Amino acid sequence: MKIKKIAENKKQFLDLLLLADEQENMIDKYLPGGDLFALYDDDLKSVCVVVPVNSETCELKNIATYKKYQGKGYGRALINFIFDFYKDKYKTMLVGTGETPTILSFYKSCGFEMSYRVKNFFTDNYDHPMFDGDIQLVDMIYLKKDLQE
């Protein structure tokens, strides 16, 4: 397994980024200023994008694994890698997601804890209703991880 930081042509990973954030113009808001990491295990399995929020905080804006490789530990490996990568640069990492029990549970199992909620984020910022399975995404739930513990 190998993880690479991608500096050039980040849009080549758009198909994978769209699995986690299905509206391209939303990805366009954070991709240029974000660090993109790609995880390879023979071929591409997962990507993530991390952006600075301020001098002490960064945010995991997107993490996605191809469907056929989900549940095999690639997302968790990528998260552990970025925790280590950013621990000397930032105090805290945030991640925002919809109110989906399986995704919230995944982030909590990676060491994130509940932080705050942004009411109506998905209904205010996306041009169509967003669903994860049969759950409509309305509020953005933010979780945080102390990178220096």
Protein backbone atom coordinates (compact mmCIF):
# COMPACT_ATOMS: atom_id res chain seq x y z
CA MET A 1 0.00 0.00 0.00
CA LYS A 2 1.32 3.44 -0.96
CA ILE A 3 -0.08 6.92 -0.30
CA LYS A 4 0.98 9.83 -2.52
CA LYS A 5 0.37 13.56 -2.14
CA ILE A 6 -0.87 14.81 -5.51
CA ALA A 7 0.13 18.35 -6.50
CA GLU A 8 -0.76 18.43 -10.21
CA ASN A 9 -3.95 17.67 -12.14
CA LYS A 10 -6.10 16.95 -9.06
CA LYS A 11 -9.26 16.88 -11.20
CA GLN A 12 -8.12 13.54 -12.64
CA PHE A 13 -9.58 12.07 -9.42
CA LEU A 14 -12.98 13.72 -9.90
CA ASP A 15 -14.85 10.43 -10.42
CA LEU A 16 -13.75 9.27 -6.98
CA LEU A 17 -14.24 12.66 -5.28
CA LEU A 18 -17.82 12.76 -6.61
CA LEU A 19 -18.60 9.58 -4.60
CA ALA A 20 -18.26 11.63 -1.40
CA ASP A 21 -19.42 15.02 -2.67
CA GLU A 22 -21.76 14.66 -5.62
CA GLN A 23 -21.77 18.28 -6.80
CA GLU A 24 -18.69 19.28 -8.81
CA ASN A 25 -18.93 23.01 -8.13
CA MET A 26 -18.73 22.29 -4.38
CA ILE A 27 -15.55 20.23 -4.94
CA ASP A 28 -14.18 23.11 -7.04
CA LYS A 29 -14.42 25.36 -3.98
CA TYR A 30 -11.90 23.34 -1.92
CA LEU A 31 -9.86 21.21 -4.32
CA PRO A 32 -7.49 23.93 -5.63
CA GLY A 33 -6.43 25.02 -2.11
CA GLY A 34 -6.48 21.55 -0.60
CA ASP A 35 -3.92 18.78 -0.27
CA LEU A 36 -5.04 15.71 -2.19
CA PHE A 37 -3.77 12.28 -1.15
CA ALA A 38 -4.25 9.11 -3.19
CA LEU A 39 -3.97 5.62 -1.75
CA TYR A 40 -2.78 2.88 -4.08
CA ASP A 41 -2.74 -0.86 -3.40
CA ASP A 42 -1.71 -2.07 -6.86
CA ASP A 43 -4.27 0.38 -8.32
CA LEU A 44 -6.08 3.45 -6.96
CA LYS A 45 -8.37 2.63 -4.04
CA SER A 46 -9.05 5.88 -2.11
CA VAL A 47 -8.50 9.64 -2.12
CA CYS A 48 -8.95 12.45 0.37
CA VAL A 49 -8.63 16.23 0.42
CA VAL A 50 -7.51 18.25 3.45
CA VAL A 51 -7.72 22.05 3.61
CA PRO A 52 -6.40 24.57 6.14
CA VAL A 53 -9.08 26.33 8.23
CA ASN A 54 -6.72 28.51 10.29
CA SER A 55 -3.24 28.23 11.84
CA GLU A 56 -4.36 25.55 14.32
CA THR A 57 -7.08 23.66 12.42
CA CYS A 58 -7.40 21.75 9.16
CA GLU A 59 -10.46 20.04 7.70
CA LEU A 60 -10.88 16.72 5.95
CA LYS A 61 -13.20 17.88 3.15
CA ASN A 62 -13.54 14.70 1.13
CA ILE A 63 -12.62 11.06 1.54
CA ALA A 64 -13.78 8.41 -0.87
CA THR A 65 -13.04 4.78 -1.66
CA TYR A 66 -14.26 3.00 -4.76
CA LYS A 67 -17.35 1.00 -3.84
CA LYS A 68 -15.82 -2.41 -4.56
CA TYR A 69 -12.97 -1.66 -2.12
CA GLN A 70 -15.06 -0.22 0.72
CA GLY A 71 -14.91 -2.01 4.06
CA LYS A 72 -11.35 -3.24 3.46
CA GLY A 73 -9.58 -0.63 5.64
CA TYR A 74 -8.38 1.74 2.90
CA GLY A 75 -10.30 4.77 4.21
CA ARG A 76 -9.09 4.14 7.75
CA ALA A 77 -5.49 3.76 6.51
CA LEU A 78 -5.77 7.08 4.68
CA ILE A 79 -7.20 8.81 7.76
CA ASN A 80 -4.42 7.42 9.97
CA PHE A 81 -1.87 8.63 7.40
CA ILE A 82 -3.25 12.20 7.36
CA PHE A 83 -3.44 12.29 11.18
CA ASP A 84 0.28 11.55 11.23
CA PHE A 85 1.02 13.86 8.28
CA TYR A 86 -0.64 16.91 9.92
CA LYS A 87 0.06 16.31 13.63
CA ASP A 88 3.07 18.65 13.68
CA LYS A 89 1.35 21.36 11.64
CA TYR A 90 -2.15 21.55 13.19
CA LYS A 91 -3.72 20.96 16.60
CA THR A 92 -7.14 19.88 15.38
CA MET A 93 -8.69 18.20 12.35
CA LEU A 94 -12.37 18.68 11.53
CA VAL A 95 -14.58 16.61 9.28
CA GLY A 96 -18.13 17.47 8.25
CA THR A 97 -20.67 14.92 7.11
CA GLY A 98 -24.36 14.27 6.82
CA GLU A 99 -26.33 12.74 9.66
CA THR A 100 -25.76 9.17 8.52
CA PRO A 101 -25.26 6.66 11.37
CA THR A 102 -22.76 4.43 9.52
CA ILE A 103 -20.53 7.33 8.46
CA LEU A 104 -20.69 9.00 11.89
CA SER A 105 -19.81 5.66 13.46
CA PHE A 106 -16.85 5.24 11.07
CA TYR A 107 -15.43 8.67 11.95
CA LYS A 108 -15.92 8.05 15.68
CA SER A 109 -14.08 4.72 15.36
CA CYS A 110 -11.19 6.65 13.76
CA GLY A 111 -10.94 8.89 16.82
CA PHE A 112 -13.17 11.83 15.88
CA GLU A 113 -15.72 13.15 18.39
CA MET A 114 -18.84 15.26 17.93
CA SER A 115 -18.16 18.98 17.70
CA TYR A 116 -21.03 21.06 16.25
CA ARG A 117 -23.82 21.18 13.67
CA VAL A 118 -24.49 23.56 10.77
CA LYS A 119 -28.27 23.70 10.28
CA ASN A 120 -29.58 23.22 6.73
CA PHE A 121 -26.09 23.05 5.18
CA PHE A 122 -27.05 20.54 2.49
CA THR A 123 -30.40 22.12 1.66
CA ASP A 124 -28.84 25.62 1.50
CA ASN A 125 -25.68 24.75 -0.47
CA TYR A 126 -26.64 22.04 -2.95
CA ASP A 127 -28.86 22.51 -5.98
CA HIS A 128 -30.77 19.26 -5.36
CA PRO A 129 -31.82 17.15 -2.36
CA MET A 130 -28.91 15.02 -1.12
CA PHE A 131 -29.44 11.46 0.10
CA ASP A 132 -27.25 8.80 1.63
CA GLY A 133 -29.28 5.69 0.97
CA ASP A 134 -32.78 6.64 2.10
CA ILE A 135 -31.61 9.34 4.53
CA GLN A 136 -31.95 12.93 3.28
CA LEU A 137 -28.98 15.05 4.28
CA VAL A 138 -30.04 18.37 5.81
CA ASP A 139 -27.60 19.47 8.54
CA MET A 140 -23.81 19.17 8.38
CA ILE A 141 -22.46 17.37 11.43
CA TYR A 142 -18.90 18.37 12.31
CA LEU A 143 -16.58 16.09 14.23
CA LYS A 144 -13.11 16.93 15.51
CA LYS A 145 -9.92 15.08 16.32
CA ASP A 146 -7.11 16.37 18.51
CA LEU A 147 -4.00 15.63 16.43
CA GLN A 148 -1.59 16.15 19.32
CA GLU A 149 -2.98 13.72 21.88
